[in-house]
C-alpha cells in the first residue's frame, strides 16, 4: 500500500466510522484520534518519530477493543499499521 492508497483508506475509514454505532463516544473519539495521528505521521514521515512500534500496547489495545464490536474496523486498522510499518513510519 503506497501513501496515496493509505490516505484513501484512512478517508474511507473515517466515513465508515461516522456510520457505526459505538457503545460510548469515548471509543469514537479514540479511533478518530488514532486516525489523526496516522495522518500526521504520513505528512511528517521524513523526520517524524514512528507512530508506534508493532508491540505498542496503547495502539494494540485500541485495535483489540474494536475487534469484538467492529471486526472490519479492526482489520482495516491492522492493515494500516502494517502498511505504515512497511514504509518505515
C-alpha atoms as a PDB file:
ATOM      1  CA  UNK A   1       0.000   0.000   0.000  1.00  0.00           C
ATOM      2  CA  UNK A   2       1.523   3.349  -1.015  1.00  0.00           C
ATOM      3  CA  UNK A   3       0.919   6.683   0.740  1.00  0.00           C
ATOM      4  CA  UNK A   4      -1.925   7.682  -1.557  1.00  0.00           C
ATOM      5  CA  UNK A   5      -3.713   4.362  -1.035  1.00  0.00           C
ATOM      6  CA  UNK A   6      -3.155   4.733   2.691  1.00  0.00           C
ATOM      7  CA  UNK A   7      -4.696   8.223   2.660  1.00  0.00           C
ATOM      8  CA  UNK A   8      -7.683   6.893   0.701  1.00  0.00           C
ATOM      9  CA  UNK A   9      -8.082   4.014   3.160  1.00  0.00           C
ATOM     10  CA  UNK A  10      -7.975   6.446   6.089  1.00  0.00           C
ATOM     11  CA  UNK A  11     -10.629   8.630   4.468  1.00  0.00           C
ATOM     12  CA  UNK A  12     -12.841   5.594   3.853  1.00  0.00           C
ATOM     13  CA  UNK A  13     -12.276   4.547   7.458  1.00  0.00           C
ATOM     14  CA  UNK A  14     -13.424   7.984   8.666  1.00  0.00           C
ATOM     15  CA  UNK A  15     -16.554   7.644   6.523  1.00  0.00           C
ATOM     16  CA  UNK A  16     -17.235   4.168   7.898  1.00  0.00           C
ATOM     17  CA  UNK A  17     -16.775   5.344  11.487  1.00  0.00           C
ATOM     18  CA  UNK A  18     -19.415   8.031  11.059  1.00  0.00           C
ATOM     19  CA  UNK A  19     -21.976   5.346  10.237  1.00  0.00           C
ATOM     20  CA  UNK A  20     -21.003   2.933  13.027  1.00  0.00           C
ATOM     21  CA  UNK A  21     -22.664   2.640  16.381  1.00  0.00           C
ATOM     22  CA  UNK A  22     -20.311   2.817  19.365  1.00  0.00           C
ATOM     23  CA  UNK A  23     -21.059   1.953  22.985  1.00  0.00           C
ATOM     24  CA  UNK A  24     -19.758   5.345  24.043  1.00  0.00           C
ATOM     25  CA  UNK A  25     -18.448   8.483  22.397  1.00  0.00           C
ATOM     26  CA  UNK A  26     -15.021   7.982  24.001  1.00  0.00           C
ATOM     27  CA  UNK A  27     -14.498   4.991  21.712  1.00  0.00           C
ATOM     28  CA  UNK A  28     -15.362   7.036  18.643  1.00  0.00           C
ATOM     29  CA  UNK A  29     -13.072   9.841  19.827  1.00  0.00           C
ATOM     30  CA  UNK A  30     -10.166   7.414  20.428  1.00  0.00           C
ATOM     31  CA  UNK A  31     -10.402   5.941  16.954  1.00  0.00           C
ATOM     32  CA  UNK A  32     -10.614   9.404  15.374  1.00  0.00           C
ATOM     33  CA  UNK A  33      -7.557  10.493  17.382  1.00  0.00           C
ATOM     34  CA  UNK A  34      -5.687   7.429  16.142  1.00  0.00           C
ATOM     35  CA  UNK A  35      -6.597   8.223  12.530  1.00  0.00           C
ATOM     36  CA  UNK A  36      -5.494  11.839  13.007  1.00  0.00           C
ATOM     37  CA  UNK A  37      -2.168  10.669  14.438  1.00  0.00           C
ATOM     38  CA  UNK A  38      -1.651   8.371  11.456  1.00  0.00           C
ATOM     39  CA  UNK A  39      -2.451  11.216   9.052  1.00  0.00           C
ATOM     40  CA  UNK A  40       0.064  13.477  10.822  1.00  0.00           C
ATOM     41  CA  UNK A  41       2.682  10.750  10.533  1.00  0.00           C
ATOM     42  CA  UNK A  42       2.074  10.479   6.796  1.00  0.00           C
ATOM     43  CA  UNK A  43       2.505  14.222   6.372  1.00  0.00           C
ATOM     44  CA  UNK A  44       5.672  14.343   8.509  1.00  0.00           C
ATOM     45  CA  UNK A  45       7.140  10.976   7.576  1.00  0.00           C
ATOM     46  CA  UNK A  46      10.531  12.339   6.583  1.00  0.00           C
ATOM     47  CA  UNK A  47      11.669  13.269  10.089  1.00  0.00           C
ATOM     48  CA  UNK A  48       8.958  12.164  12.465  1.00  0.00           C
ATOM     49  CA  UNK A  49       9.362   9.586  15.150  1.00  0.00           C
ATOM     50  CA  UNK A  50       7.420   6.391  14.461  1.00  0.00           C
ATOM     51  CA  UNK A  51       3.757   6.429  15.427  1.00  0.00           C
ATOM     52  CA  UNK A  52       4.161   3.228  17.410  1.00  0.00           C
ATOM     53  CA  UNK A  53       6.084   0.056  17.357  1.00  0.00           C
ATOM     54  CA  UNK A  54       4.219  -3.126  16.433  1.00  0.00           C
ATOM     55  CA  UNK A  55       4.328  -4.027  20.128  1.00  0.00           C
ATOM     56  CA  UNK A  56       2.938  -0.700  21.365  1.00  0.00           C
ATOM     57  CA  UNK A  57       0.359  -1.646  23.999  1.00  0.00           C
ATOM     58  CA  UNK A  58      -1.713   1.511  23.530  1.00  0.00           C
ATOM     59  CA  UNK A  59      -2.111   1.007  19.815  1.00  0.00           C
ATOM     60  CA  UNK A  60      -2.667  -2.726  20.185  1.00  0.00           C
ATOM     61  CA  UNK A  61      -5.263  -2.246  22.914  1.00  0.00           C
ATOM     62  CA  UNK A  62      -7.131   0.333  20.829  1.00  0.00           C
ATOM     63  CA  UNK A  63      -7.350  -2.090  17.926  1.00  0.00           C
ATOM     64  CA  UNK A  64      -8.221  -5.026  20.188  1.00  0.00           C
ATOM     65  CA  UNK A  65     -11.026  -3.030  21.795  1.00  0.00           C
ATOM     66  CA  UNK A  66     -12.729  -2.707  18.435  1.00  0.00           C
ATOM     67  CA  UNK A  67     -12.233  -6.320  17.310  1.00  0.00           C
ATOM     68  CA  UNK A  68     -15.310  -7.707  19.036  1.00  0.00           C
ATOM     69  CA  UNK A  69     -17.590  -4.776  18.369  1.00  0.00           C
ATOM     70  CA  UNK A  70     -16.339  -3.791  14.903  1.00  0.00           C
ATOM     71  CA  UNK A  71     -14.182  -6.544  13.367  1.00  0.00           C
ATOM     72  CA  UNK A  72     -13.976  -4.871   9.942  1.00  0.00           C
ATOM     73  CA  UNK A  73     -12.727  -1.683  11.572  1.00  0.00           C
ATOM     74  CA  UNK A  74     -10.062  -3.592  13.488  1.00  0.00           C
ATOM     75  CA  UNK A  75      -8.976  -5.423  10.350  1.00  0.00           C
ATOM     76  CA  UNK A  76      -8.629  -2.143   8.440  1.00  0.00           C
ATOM     77  CA  UNK A  77      -6.638  -0.586  11.293  1.00  0.00           C
ATOM     78  CA  UNK A  78      -4.309  -3.590  11.363  1.00  0.00           C
ATOM     79  CA  UNK A  79      -3.746  -3.244   7.595  1.00  0.00           C
ATOM     80  CA  UNK A  80      -2.958   0.450   8.019  1.00  0.00           C
ATOM     81  CA  UNK A  81      -0.489  -0.212  10.839  1.00  0.00           C
ATOM     82  CA  UNK A  82       1.200  -2.917   8.757  1.00  0.00           C
ATOM     83  CA  UNK A  83       1.461  -0.552   5.794  1.00  0.00           C
ATOM     84  CA  UNK A  84       2.977   2.159   7.990  1.00  0.00           C
ATOM     85  CA  UNK A  85       5.486  -0.307   9.353  1.00  0.00           C
ATOM     86  CA  UNK A  86       6.428  -1.409   5.845  1.00  0.00           C
ATOM     87  CA  UNK A  87       7.013   2.252   4.929  1.00  0.00           C
ATOM     88  CA  UNK A  88       9.206   2.718   7.982  1.00  0.00           C
ATOM     89  CA  UNK A  89       6.752   5.143   9.552  1.00  0.00           C
END
